[in-house]
Each structure stands twice: as structure tokens, then as C-alpha cells.
Amino acid sequence: MSYYFSICASEFYQQKYVEFLLENYEQLQLPYAFPVALSYIVSPILMTHESFLCFNDDDEVIGAFGCIYGTGEKGYEDTDIVQIQVIFFADQYRRTLLFTRALHFFTEYLEQLDREVKELRFWAPADAYLQKLFVKIATKTASAHTEHGMLDEYRCSPSDLLTYVQRIRQ
């Protein structure tokens, strides 16, 4: 089976992005109240940043990911930092190879931007399985307690992410 990725450059694809993530909201297991989780899901679209879809051979959406440029602490002016807001694949498509292809697509996308990206950041539920995966890609830099669970923050450079992707693809 093959897969392909698409940038959500039109309202039609942006709508597919939001619908897919909301249809799978329970599986996202975000440790936030729904309004906060929704803001993270839609922020790549509302802030006119980047959202992406993954499709299978039948042109069905099987995954989505999105990011924003900058951080809230700096008023989103530190655009050399990219925050990954969400990455999700339907359960039957969660494989290392597909995840790696998505990361490769994303790193290639970042390389062609007209801005320099120095750092990638993302938060994830403090889960042992996710921690084992993410420490292969990034450095855990912080943990935070929310009313719905613990979160870990991870950071890496785009070159570190690309090195990981290349190592896995070999």
C-alpha cells in the first residue's frame, strides 16, 4: 500500500484536516479540556500556518499533522522555532515506516521554506511508550502538570530530525 501527503492549501483540505482530527478526538488523548485541545488542533489553520494530510491509495485521510511558527512567550515573532501542534495517524496505519515518511516529508518541507528554522518543539502526554519514541528524535526539556494529566516538552533541531529519518530509512 502506498501513501501520499498533501499540504492543506485550500479550505476544502483544511476542513478535511479538522474533521479527521475531531472524528478521532478520543484517540488523540489530549490532556486538556476540549476548548484548549480544539485550539491546538485548529491553530495551524487559524494562524495561517501549516497543516498536512496523509492519504491512502483510496484517497482516504489516514493521518494529519500541523505546526505553527513562533512561541506564545515571544508573541509568535520567534519564527525560527516551529511548534508541532498535532500528529495523528488512524490506528491501523500506525507504523514506523509511515511515521518516518511523514517526518521526512515534513523535514523536506521545512528545508524549502524561505525562513530558517532552528528548533522544533512539541508537547506530548507523559506516556512511557511515547517517551521511548520521542527521545530517539528529540530531547525532553520540561514536564508540566495539567488538570487532565502530565505533559512532556521535547525539542530538536531540524537537522537532528532529518538524521533520525535518514537512519530509520536505511
C-alpha atoms as a PDB file:
ATOM      1  CA  MET A   1       0.000   0.000   0.000  1.00  0.00           C
ATOM      2  CA  SER A   2       1.252   3.468  -0.780  1.00  0.00           C
ATOM      3  CA  TYR A   3       0.594   6.783   0.895  1.00  0.00           C
ATOM      4  CA  TYR A   4       0.928  10.399  -0.058  1.00  0.00           C
ATOM      5  CA  PHE A   5       0.999  13.695   1.797  1.00  0.00           C
ATOM      6  CA  SER A   6      -0.644  16.984   0.943  1.00  0.00           C
ATOM      7  CA  ILE A   7      -0.373  20.492   2.299  1.00  0.00           C
ATOM      8  CA  CYS A   8      -3.782  21.839   3.300  1.00  0.00           C
ATOM      9  CA  ALA A   9      -3.639  24.801   0.936  1.00  0.00           C
ATOM     10  CA  SER A  10      -7.388  25.190   0.408  1.00  0.00           C
ATOM     11  CA  GLU A  11     -10.419  25.467   2.656  1.00  0.00           C
ATOM     12  CA  PHE A  12     -11.549  22.040   1.424  1.00  0.00           C
ATOM     13  CA  TYR A  13      -8.383  20.346   2.718  1.00  0.00           C
ATOM     14  CA  GLN A  14      -8.324  22.438   5.873  1.00  0.00           C
ATOM     15  CA  GLN A  15     -11.856  21.238   6.578  1.00  0.00           C
ATOM     16  CA  LYS A  16     -10.760  17.612   5.988  1.00  0.00           C
ATOM     17  CA  TYR A  17      -7.875  18.195   8.431  1.00  0.00           C
ATOM     18  CA  VAL A  18     -10.164  19.459  11.209  1.00  0.00           C
ATOM     19  CA  GLU A  19     -12.855  16.837  10.550  1.00  0.00           C
ATOM     20  CA  PHE A  20     -10.331  13.987  10.642  1.00  0.00           C
ATOM     21  CA  LEU A  21      -8.832  15.126  13.929  1.00  0.00           C
ATOM     22  CA  LEU A  22     -12.228  15.742  15.530  1.00  0.00           C
ATOM     23  CA  GLU A  23     -13.507  12.340  14.346  1.00  0.00           C
ATOM     24  CA  ASN A  24     -10.504  10.831  16.139  1.00  0.00           C
ATOM     25  CA  TYR A  25     -10.568  13.180  19.114  1.00  0.00           C
ATOM     26  CA  GLU A  26     -10.962  10.406  21.713  1.00  0.00           C
ATOM     27  CA  GLN A  27      -7.906   8.572  20.357  1.00  0.00           C
ATOM     28  CA  LEU A  28      -5.802  11.738  20.463  1.00  0.00           C
ATOM     29  CA  GLN A  29      -5.996  11.503  24.264  1.00  0.00           C
ATOM     30  CA  LEU A  30      -5.014  15.136  24.703  1.00  0.00           C
ATOM     31  CA  PRO A  31      -4.617  16.059  28.370  1.00  0.00           C
ATOM     32  CA  TYR A  32      -6.572  19.308  28.030  1.00  0.00           C
ATOM     33  CA  ALA A  33     -10.139  20.453  28.338  1.00  0.00           C
ATOM     34  CA  PHE A  34     -11.871  20.275  24.946  1.00  0.00           C
ATOM     35  CA  PRO A  35     -11.726  24.037  24.195  1.00  0.00           C
ATOM     36  CA  VAL A  36      -7.944  24.064  24.745  1.00  0.00           C
ATOM     37  CA  ALA A  37      -7.459  20.887  22.710  1.00  0.00           C
ATOM     38  CA  LEU A  38      -9.565  22.343  19.903  1.00  0.00           C
ATOM     39  CA  SER A  39      -7.439  25.489  19.888  1.00  0.00           C
ATOM     40  CA  TYR A  40      -4.288  23.386  19.402  1.00  0.00           C
ATOM     41  CA  ILE A  41      -5.920  21.338  16.648  1.00  0.00           C
ATOM     42  CA  VAL A  42      -7.096  24.344  14.630  1.00  0.00           C
ATOM     43  CA  SER A  43      -4.267  26.794  15.404  1.00  0.00           C
ATOM     44  CA  PRO A  44      -2.234  25.845  12.302  1.00  0.00           C
ATOM     45  CA  ILE A  45      -5.233  26.880  10.181  1.00  0.00           C
ATOM     46  CA  LEU A  46      -6.401  29.894  12.183  1.00  0.00           C
ATOM     47  CA  MET A  47      -2.889  31.304  12.392  1.00  0.00           C
ATOM     48  CA  THR A  48      -2.429  30.631   8.642  1.00  0.00           C
ATOM     49  CA  HIS A  49       0.470  28.317   9.296  1.00  0.00           C
ATOM     50  CA  GLU A  50       0.892  24.757   8.102  1.00  0.00           C
ATOM     51  CA  SER A  51      -1.360  21.726   8.180  1.00  0.00           C
ATOM     52  CA  PHE A  52      -0.853  18.471   6.307  1.00  0.00           C
ATOM     53  CA  LEU A  53      -2.871  15.388   5.472  1.00  0.00           C
ATOM     54  CA  CYS A  54      -1.815  11.831   4.712  1.00  0.00           C
ATOM     55  CA  PHE A  55      -3.919   9.793   2.280  1.00  0.00           C
ATOM     56  CA  ASN A  56      -4.006   6.083   1.428  1.00  0.00           C
ATOM     57  CA  ASP A  57      -4.428   4.506  -2.034  1.00  0.00           C
ATOM     58  CA  ASP A  58      -8.176   5.065  -1.858  1.00  0.00           C
ATOM     59  CA  ASP A  59      -7.682   8.818  -1.216  1.00  0.00           C
ATOM     60  CA  GLU A  60      -8.967   8.435   2.339  1.00  0.00           C
ATOM     61  CA  VAL A  61      -7.458  10.624   5.038  1.00  0.00           C
ATOM     62  CA  ILE A  62      -5.448   8.400   7.356  1.00  0.00           C
ATOM     63  CA  GLY A  63      -3.297  10.980   9.135  1.00  0.00           C
ATOM     64  CA  ALA A  64      -2.879  14.655   9.883  1.00  0.00           C
ATOM     65  CA  PHE A  65      -0.252  16.921  11.360  1.00  0.00           C
ATOM     66  CA  GLY A  66       0.139  20.640  11.811  1.00  0.00           C
ATOM     67  CA  CYS A  67       2.525  23.268  13.112  1.00  0.00           C
ATOM     68  CA  ILE A  68       2.825  26.943  13.894  1.00  0.00           C
ATOM     69  CA  TYR A  69       5.779  29.321  13.782  1.00  0.00           C
ATOM     70  CA  GLY A  70       6.963  31.014  16.937  1.00  0.00           C
ATOM     71  CA  THR A  71       6.068  30.730  20.599  1.00  0.00           C
ATOM     72  CA  GLY A  72       3.456  32.413  22.748  1.00  0.00           C
ATOM     73  CA  GLU A  73       6.173  33.656  25.114  1.00  0.00           C
ATOM     74  CA  LYS A  74       7.669  35.735  22.285  1.00  0.00           C
ATOM     75  CA  GLY A  75       4.388  36.817  20.687  1.00  0.00           C
ATOM     76  CA  TYR A  76       4.964  34.348  17.825  1.00  0.00           C
ATOM     77  CA  GLU A  77       7.722  36.575  16.462  1.00  0.00           C
ATOM     78  CA  ASP A  78      10.453  33.967  17.042  1.00  0.00           C
ATOM     79  CA  THR A  79       9.551  32.242  13.773  1.00  0.00           C
ATOM     80  CA  ASP A  80      12.814  30.299  13.720  1.00  0.00           C
ATOM     81  CA  ILE A  81      11.033  27.983  16.188  1.00  0.00           C
ATOM     82  CA  VAL A  82       8.377  25.641  14.819  1.00  0.00           C
ATOM     83  CA  GLN A  83       5.897  24.139  17.237  1.00  0.00           C
ATOM     84  CA  ILE A  84       4.282  20.900  16.141  1.00  0.00           C
ATOM     85  CA  GLN A  85       0.712  21.135  17.381  1.00  0.00           C
ATOM     86  CA  VAL A  86      -0.597  17.685  16.487  1.00  0.00           C
ATOM     87  CA  ILE A  87       0.435  14.471  14.742  1.00  0.00           C
ATOM     88  CA  PHE A  88      -2.090  11.681  14.431  1.00  0.00           C
ATOM     89  CA  PHE A  89      -2.492   8.556  12.295  1.00  0.00           C
ATOM     90  CA  ALA A  90      -5.504   6.260  12.297  1.00  0.00           C
ATOM     91  CA  ASP A  91      -4.813   3.211  14.442  1.00  0.00           C
ATOM     92  CA  GLN A  92      -4.480   0.701  11.594  1.00  0.00           C
ATOM     93  CA  TYR A  93      -1.849   2.927   9.917  1.00  0.00           C
ATOM     94  CA  ARG A  94       0.431   3.469  12.907  1.00  0.00           C
ATOM     95  CA  ARG A  95       3.681   2.056  11.618  1.00  0.00           C
ATOM     96  CA  THR A  96       7.247   3.200  11.950  1.00  0.00           C
ATOM     97  CA  LEU A  97       7.642   3.429   8.180  1.00  0.00           C
ATOM     98  CA  LEU A  98       4.635   5.723   7.696  1.00  0.00           C
ATOM     99  CA  PHE A  99       5.623   7.877  10.666  1.00  0.00           C
ATOM    100  CA  THR A 100       9.136   8.130   9.229  1.00  0.00           C
ATOM    101  CA  ARG A 101       7.764   9.075   5.812  1.00  0.00           C
ATOM    102  CA  ALA A 102       5.678  11.799   7.430  1.00  0.00           C
ATOM    103  CA  LEU A 103       8.721  13.149   9.266  1.00  0.00           C
ATOM    104  CA  HIS A 104      10.734  13.032   6.043  1.00  0.00           C
ATOM    105  CA  PHE A 105       8.007  14.935   4.179  1.00  0.00           C
ATOM    106  CA  PHE A 106       7.950  17.494   6.994  1.00  0.00           C
ATOM    107  CA  THR A 107      11.752  17.953   7.073  1.00  0.00           C
ATOM    108  CA  GLU A 108      11.831  18.400   3.292  1.00  0.00           C
ATOM    109  CA  TYR A 109       9.052  20.946   3.619  1.00  0.00           C
ATOM    110  CA  LEU A 110      10.983  22.873   6.276  1.00  0.00           C
ATOM    111  CA  GLU A 111      14.114  22.873   4.103  1.00  0.00           C
ATOM    112  CA  GLN A 112      12.323  24.644   1.261  1.00  0.00           C
ATOM    113  CA  LEU A 113      10.892  27.426   3.440  1.00  0.00           C
ATOM    114  CA  ASP A 114      12.079  30.968   2.877  1.00  0.00           C
ATOM    115  CA  ARG A 115      12.958  31.214   6.575  1.00  0.00           C
ATOM    116  CA  GLU A 116      15.491  29.485   8.763  1.00  0.00           C
ATOM    117  CA  VAL A 117      14.120  27.011  11.260  1.00  0.00           C
ATOM    118  CA  LYS A 118      16.492  26.454  14.167  1.00  0.00           C
ATOM    119  CA  GLU A 119      14.328  24.414  16.504  1.00  0.00           C
ATOM    120  CA  LEU A 120      11.300  22.145  16.567  1.00  0.00           C
ATOM    121  CA  ARG A 121       9.197  21.873  19.711  1.00  0.00           C
ATOM    122  CA  PHE A 122       6.284  19.715  20.698  1.00  0.00           C
ATOM    123  CA  TRP A 123       4.391  18.596  23.768  1.00  0.00           C
ATOM    124  CA  ALA A 124       3.136  15.060  24.271  1.00  0.00           C
ATOM    125  CA  PRO A 125       1.343  13.147  27.002  1.00  0.00           C
ATOM    126  CA  ALA A 126       3.824  11.793  29.555  1.00  0.00           C
ATOM    127  CA  ASP A 127       3.416   8.203  28.439  1.00  0.00           C
ATOM    128  CA  ALA A 128       6.173   5.582  28.636  1.00  0.00           C
ATOM    129  CA  TYR A 129       5.607   4.385  25.046  1.00  0.00           C
ATOM    130  CA  LEU A 130       5.677   7.924  23.636  1.00  0.00           C
ATOM    131  CA  GLN A 131       8.724   8.820  25.730  1.00  0.00           C
ATOM    132  CA  LYS A 132      10.648   5.864  24.265  1.00  0.00           C
ATOM    133  CA  LEU A 133       9.756   7.041  20.769  1.00  0.00           C
ATOM    134  CA  PHE A 134      10.360  10.750  21.227  1.00  0.00           C
ATOM    135  CA  VAL A 135      13.720  10.538  22.992  1.00  0.00           C
ATOM    136  CA  LYS A 136      15.011   8.937  19.777  1.00  0.00           C
ATOM    137  CA  ILE A 137      14.089  12.149  17.965  1.00  0.00           C
ATOM    138  CA  ALA A 138      14.366  14.956  20.491  1.00  0.00           C
ATOM    139  CA  THR A 139      15.471  15.988  23.967  1.00  0.00           C
ATOM    140  CA  LYS A 140      12.911  16.127  26.741  1.00  0.00           C
ATOM    141  CA  THR A 141      13.216  19.641  28.135  1.00  0.00           C
ATOM    142  CA  ALA A 142      10.300  20.047  30.518  1.00  0.00           C
ATOM    143  CA  SER A 143       7.281  18.416  32.113  1.00  0.00           C
ATOM    144  CA  ALA A 144       4.066  20.100  33.135  1.00  0.00           C
ATOM    145  CA  HIS A 145       1.028  19.012  35.085  1.00  0.00           C
ATOM    146  CA  THR A 146      -2.394  19.799  33.630  1.00  0.00           C
ATOM    147  CA  GLU A 147      -5.741  19.056  35.200  1.00  0.00           C
ATOM    148  CA  HIS A 148      -6.070  16.215  32.672  1.00  0.00           C
ATOM    149  CA  GLY A 149      -2.599  14.678  33.018  1.00  0.00           C
ATOM    150  CA  MET A 150       1.128  15.208  32.653  1.00  0.00           C
ATOM    151  CA  LEU A 151       2.809  16.591  29.525  1.00  0.00           C
ATOM    152  CA  ASP A 152       6.406  16.440  28.360  1.00  0.00           C
ATOM    153  CA  GLU A 153       8.049  19.036  26.139  1.00  0.00           C
ATOM    154  CA  TYR A 154      10.565  17.923  23.529  1.00  0.00           C
ATOM    155  CA  ARG A 155      12.949  19.950  21.381  1.00  0.00           C
ATOM    156  CA  CYS A 156      15.234  19.139  18.487  1.00  0.00           C
ATOM    157  CA  SER A 157      16.842  20.802  15.512  1.00  0.00           C
ATOM    158  CA  PRO A 158      15.557  20.096  12.002  1.00  0.00           C
ATOM    159  CA  SER A 159      18.936  18.517  11.214  1.00  0.00           C
ATOM    160  CA  ASP A 160      18.566  16.126  14.187  1.00  0.00           C
ATOM    161  CA  LEU A 161      15.135  15.146  12.907  1.00  0.00           C
ATOM    162  CA  LEU A 162      16.489  14.604   9.402  1.00  0.00           C
ATOM    163  CA  THR A 163      19.362  12.480  10.772  1.00  0.00           C
ATOM    164  CA  TYR A 164      16.825  10.308  12.617  1.00  0.00           C
ATOM    165  CA  VAL A 165      14.687   9.930   9.485  1.00  0.00           C
ATOM    166  CA  GLN A 166      17.675   9.005   7.335  1.00  0.00           C
ATOM    167  CA  ARG A 167      18.887   6.458   9.886  1.00  0.00           C
ATOM    168  CA  ILE A 168      15.459   4.775  10.023  1.00  0.00           C
ATOM    169  CA  ARG A 169      15.045   4.785   6.242  1.00  0.00           C
ATOM    170  CA  GLN A 170      18.352   2.922   5.825  1.00  0.00           C
END
